[in-house]
Amino acid sequence: AEKLEKLRHEQELHRSEAERLKKEVAERKHLERVAELKKKKEREKREAELKQKLDVADAHYRKRLVRCKVWFPWRHLVETSKQQVEDAAKHHGIILLRTYFSHWLEVVRNTWKQKDNTADDFHSTVLLRRCFKA
């Protein structure tokens, strides 16, 4: 009876030891699973932050790209176009002035020549009269 009791006691100890080991293994696996889930959440969080940063960087890059490759050249073209329009208007005005001023100058010179010739003729006539009177 004592041996049987001892044997049962040992079996009980082995069973309790086995259960304790099972619990420890289960607890360890549970802790590993929790740690793995924690790592997974951390990784996902880092990936989300990285994705957000990449999105911001991509938006910034696109903005700079538009600014440098589209906006500045377009603005330069607009300014150049305005300058060319101003230059063309100034040139047109100068050509108009030159054209009409040259015609006016020609008319004025012809008028002066006529007046000069008339004055020369009158002077010659006056000189001739003085000569014949004297």
C-alpha atoms as a PDB file:
ATOM      1  CA  ALA A   1       0.000   0.000   0.000  1.00  0.00           C
ATOM      2  CA  GLU A   2       2.853   2.305   0.790  1.00  0.00           C
ATOM      3  CA  LYS A   3       4.499   1.566  -2.554  1.00  0.00           C
ATOM      4  CA  LEU A   4       1.219   2.144  -4.298  1.00  0.00           C
ATOM      5  CA  GLU A   5       0.792   5.400  -2.472  1.00  0.00           C
ATOM      6  CA  LYS A   6       4.369   6.389  -3.331  1.00  0.00           C
ATOM      7  CA  LEU A   7       3.803   5.407  -6.948  1.00  0.00           C
ATOM      8  CA  ARG A   8       0.621   7.453  -7.120  1.00  0.00           C
ATOM      9  CA  HIS A   9       2.387  10.345  -5.485  1.00  0.00           C
ATOM     10  CA  GLU A  10       5.207  10.123  -8.038  1.00  0.00           C
ATOM     11  CA  GLN A  11       2.680   9.874 -10.860  1.00  0.00           C
ATOM     12  CA  GLU A  12       0.912  12.903  -9.445  1.00  0.00           C
ATOM     13  CA  LEU A  13       4.235  14.732  -9.267  1.00  0.00           C
ATOM     14  CA  HIS A  14       5.050  13.730 -12.854  1.00  0.00           C
ATOM     15  CA  ARG A  15       1.591  14.780 -14.000  1.00  0.00           C
ATOM     16  CA  SER A  16       1.809  18.080 -12.159  1.00  0.00           C
ATOM     17  CA  GLU A  17       5.350  18.549 -13.491  1.00  0.00           C
ATOM     18  CA  ALA A  18       4.125  17.732 -17.002  1.00  0.00           C
ATOM     19  CA  GLU A  19       1.217  20.122 -16.610  1.00  0.00           C
ATOM     20  CA  ARG A  20       3.566  22.785 -15.266  1.00  0.00           C
ATOM     21  CA  LEU A  21       5.904  22.232 -18.222  1.00  0.00           C
ATOM     22  CA  LYS A  22       2.938  22.335 -20.617  1.00  0.00           C
ATOM     23  CA  LYS A  23       1.804  25.582 -18.998  1.00  0.00           C
ATOM     24  CA  GLU A  24       5.330  27.001 -19.206  1.00  0.00           C
ATOM     25  CA  VAL A  25       5.609  25.969 -22.858  1.00  0.00           C
ATOM     26  CA  ALA A  26       2.139  27.388 -23.553  1.00  0.00           C
ATOM     27  CA  GLU A  27       3.038  30.569 -21.634  1.00  0.00           C
ATOM     28  CA  ARG A  28       6.349  30.841 -23.522  1.00  0.00           C
ATOM     29  CA  LYS A  29       4.565  30.324 -26.852  1.00  0.00           C
ATOM     30  CA  HIS A  30       1.952  32.878 -25.840  1.00  0.00           C
ATOM     31  CA  LEU A  31       4.676  35.379 -24.872  1.00  0.00           C
ATOM     32  CA  GLU A  32       6.501  34.669 -28.140  1.00  0.00           C
ATOM     33  CA  ARG A  33       3.258  35.197 -30.067  1.00  0.00           C
ATOM     34  CA  VAL A  34       2.617  38.446 -28.180  1.00  0.00           C
ATOM     35  CA  ALA A  35       6.186  39.585 -28.825  1.00  0.00           C
ATOM     36  CA  GLU A  36       5.864  38.608 -32.491  1.00  0.00           C
ATOM     37  CA  LEU A  37       2.582  40.524 -32.774  1.00  0.00           C
ATOM     38  CA  LYS A  38       4.211  43.497 -31.054  1.00  0.00           C
ATOM     39  CA  LYS A  39       7.126  43.359 -33.511  1.00  0.00           C
ATOM     40  CA  LYS A  40       4.675  43.047 -36.392  1.00  0.00           C
ATOM     41  CA  LYS A  41       2.718  46.089 -35.171  1.00  0.00           C
ATOM     42  CA  GLU A  42       5.968  48.044 -34.751  1.00  0.00           C
ATOM     43  CA  ARG A  43       7.076  47.041 -38.260  1.00  0.00           C
ATOM     44  CA  GLU A  44       3.679  48.033 -39.673  1.00  0.00           C
ATOM     45  CA  LYS A  45       3.851  51.325 -37.781  1.00  0.00           C
ATOM     46  CA  ARG A  46       7.349  52.022 -39.134  1.00  0.00           C
ATOM     47  CA  GLU A  47       6.218  51.078 -42.641  1.00  0.00           C
ATOM     48  CA  ALA A  48       3.189  53.388 -42.328  1.00  0.00           C
ATOM     49  CA  GLU A  49       5.410  56.244 -41.113  1.00  0.00           C
ATOM     50  CA  LEU A  50       7.873  55.554 -43.918  1.00  0.00           C
ATOM     51  CA  LYS A  51       5.035  55.484 -46.464  1.00  0.00           C
ATOM     52  CA  GLN A  52       3.731  58.783 -45.113  1.00  0.00           C
ATOM     53  CA  LYS A  53       7.201  60.337 -45.299  1.00  0.00           C
ATOM     54  CA  LEU A  54       7.650  58.977 -48.819  1.00  0.00           C
ATOM     55  CA  ASP A  55       4.276  60.435 -49.825  1.00  0.00           C
ATOM     56  CA  VAL A  56       5.291  63.834 -48.423  1.00  0.00           C
ATOM     57  CA  ALA A  57       8.668  63.601 -50.151  1.00  0.00           C
ATOM     58  CA  ASP A  58       7.016  62.566 -53.416  1.00  0.00           C
ATOM     59  CA  ALA A  59       4.554  65.468 -53.183  1.00  0.00           C
ATOM     60  CA  HIS A  60       7.432  67.851 -52.503  1.00  0.00           C
ATOM     61  CA  TYR A  61       9.405  66.402 -55.419  1.00  0.00           C
ATOM     62  CA  ARG A  62       6.445  66.771 -57.775  1.00  0.00           C
ATOM     63  CA  LYS A  63       5.880  70.332 -56.591  1.00  0.00           C
ATOM     64  CA  ARG A  64       9.538  71.229 -57.161  1.00  0.00           C
ATOM     65  CA  LEU A  65       9.498  69.425 -60.500  1.00  0.00           C
ATOM     66  CA  VAL A  66       6.470  71.408 -61.645  1.00  0.00           C
ATOM     67  CA  ARG A  67       8.024  74.595 -60.360  1.00  0.00           C
ATOM     68  CA  CYS A  68      11.425  74.045 -61.971  1.00  0.00           C
ATOM     69  CA  LYS A  69      10.417  72.283 -65.178  1.00  0.00           C
ATOM     70  CA  VAL A  70       7.078  73.986 -65.880  1.00  0.00           C
ATOM     71  CA  TRP A  71       6.508  77.188 -63.936  1.00  0.00           C
ATOM     72  CA  PHE A  72       9.924  78.890 -64.380  1.00  0.00           C
ATOM     73  CA  PRO A  73      10.214  78.165 -68.126  1.00  0.00           C
ATOM     74  CA  TRP A  74       6.586  79.202 -68.677  1.00  0.00           C
ATOM     75  CA  ARG A  75       7.133  82.432 -66.741  1.00  0.00           C
ATOM     76  CA  HIS A  76      10.317  83.063 -68.734  1.00  0.00           C
ATOM     77  CA  LEU A  77       8.394  82.550 -71.975  1.00  0.00           C
ATOM     78  CA  VAL A  78       5.644  84.929 -70.846  1.00  0.00           C
ATOM     79  CA  GLU A  79       8.180  87.594 -69.853  1.00  0.00           C
ATOM     80  CA  THR A  80      10.062  87.125 -73.132  1.00  0.00           C
ATOM     81  CA  SER A  81       6.813  87.357 -75.059  1.00  0.00           C
ATOM     82  CA  LYS A  82       5.849  90.582 -73.247  1.00  0.00           C
ATOM     83  CA  GLN A  83       9.302  92.028 -73.939  1.00  0.00           C
ATOM     84  CA  GLN A  84       9.038  91.078 -77.611  1.00  0.00           C
ATOM     85  CA  VAL A  85       5.603  92.720 -77.854  1.00  0.00           C
ATOM     86  CA  GLU A  86       6.987  95.884 -76.236  1.00  0.00           C
ATOM     87  CA  ASP A  87      10.011  95.866 -78.557  1.00  0.00           C
ATOM     88  CA  ALA A  88       7.772  95.318 -81.595  1.00  0.00           C
ATOM     89  CA  ALA A  89       5.503  98.197 -80.545  1.00  0.00           C
ATOM     90  CA  LYS A  90       8.496 100.488 -80.008  1.00  0.00           C
ATOM     91  CA  HIS A  91       9.998  99.434 -83.352  1.00  0.00           C
ATOM     92  CA  HIS A  92       6.660 100.013 -85.104  1.00  0.00           C
ATOM     93  CA  GLY A  93       6.441 103.484 -83.566  1.00  0.00           C
ATOM     94  CA  ILE A  94       9.987 104.299 -84.665  1.00  0.00           C
ATOM     95  CA  ILE A  95       9.305 103.096 -88.210  1.00  0.00           C
ATOM     96  CA  LEU A  96       6.102 105.148 -88.344  1.00  0.00           C
ATOM     97  CA  LEU A  97       7.937 108.214 -87.053  1.00  0.00           C
ATOM     98  CA  ARG A  98      10.781 107.682 -89.485  1.00  0.00           C
ATOM     99  CA  THR A  99       8.380 107.225 -92.415  1.00  0.00           C
ATOM    100  CA  TYR A 100       6.151 110.207 -91.674  1.00  0.00           C
ATOM    101  CA  PHE A 101       8.971 112.357 -90.335  1.00  0.00           C
ATOM    102  CA  SER A 102      11.008 111.747 -93.509  1.00  0.00           C
ATOM    103  CA  HIS A 103       8.015 112.818 -95.634  1.00  0.00           C
ATOM    104  CA  TRP A 104       7.490 115.863 -93.428  1.00  0.00           C
ATOM    105  CA  LEU A 105      11.201 116.702 -93.574  1.00  0.00           C
ATOM    106  CA  GLU A 106      11.150 116.395 -97.342  1.00  0.00           C
ATOM    107  CA  VAL A 107       8.150 118.751 -97.537  1.00  0.00           C
ATOM    108  CA  VAL A 108       9.830 121.216 -95.149  1.00  0.00           C
ATOM    109  CA  ARG A 109      13.091 121.131 -97.155  1.00  0.00           C
ATOM    110  CA  ASN A 110      11.215 121.696-100.393  1.00  0.00           C
ATOM    111  CA  THR A 111       9.371 124.606 -98.763  1.00  0.00           C
ATOM    112  CA  TRP A 112      12.684 126.055 -97.533  1.00  0.00           C
ATOM    113  CA  LYS A 113      14.207 125.633-100.967  1.00  0.00           C
ATOM    114  CA  GLN A 114      11.241 127.420-102.512  1.00  0.00           C
ATOM    115  CA  LYS A 115      11.432 130.202 -99.933  1.00  0.00           C
ATOM    116  CA  ASP A 116      15.215 130.363-100.337  1.00  0.00           C
ATOM    117  CA  ASN A 117      14.868 130.518-104.110  1.00  0.00           C
ATOM    118  CA  THR A 118      12.149 133.166-103.804  1.00  0.00           C
ATOM    119  CA  ALA A 119      14.340 135.155-101.405  1.00  0.00           C
ATOM    120  CA  ASP A 120      17.339 134.789-103.777  1.00  0.00           C
ATOM    121  CA  ASP A 121      15.190 135.911-106.718  1.00  0.00           C
ATOM    122  CA  PHE A 122      13.873 138.866-104.716  1.00  0.00           C
ATOM    123  CA  HIS A 123      17.396 139.760-103.596  1.00  0.00           C
ATOM    124  CA  SER A 124      18.635 139.562-107.187  1.00  0.00           C
ATOM    125  CA  THR A 125      15.741 141.738-108.317  1.00  0.00           C
ATOM    126  CA  VAL A 126      16.458 144.293-105.580  1.00  0.00           C
ATOM    127  CA  LEU A 127      20.158 144.339-106.499  1.00  0.00           C
ATOM    128  CA  LEU A 128      19.331 144.804-110.168  1.00  0.00           C
ATOM    129  CA  ARG A 129      16.966 147.694-109.390  1.00  0.00           C
ATOM    130  CA  ARG A 130      19.586 149.382-107.259  1.00  0.00           C
ATOM    131  CA  CYS A 131      22.151 148.933-109.953  1.00  0.00           C
ATOM    132  CA  PHE A 132      19.907 150.437-112.609  1.00  0.00           C
ATOM    133  CA  LYS A 133      18.852 153.324-110.338  1.00  0.00           C
ATOM    134  CA  ALA A 134      22.312 154.283-109.404  1.00  0.00           C
END
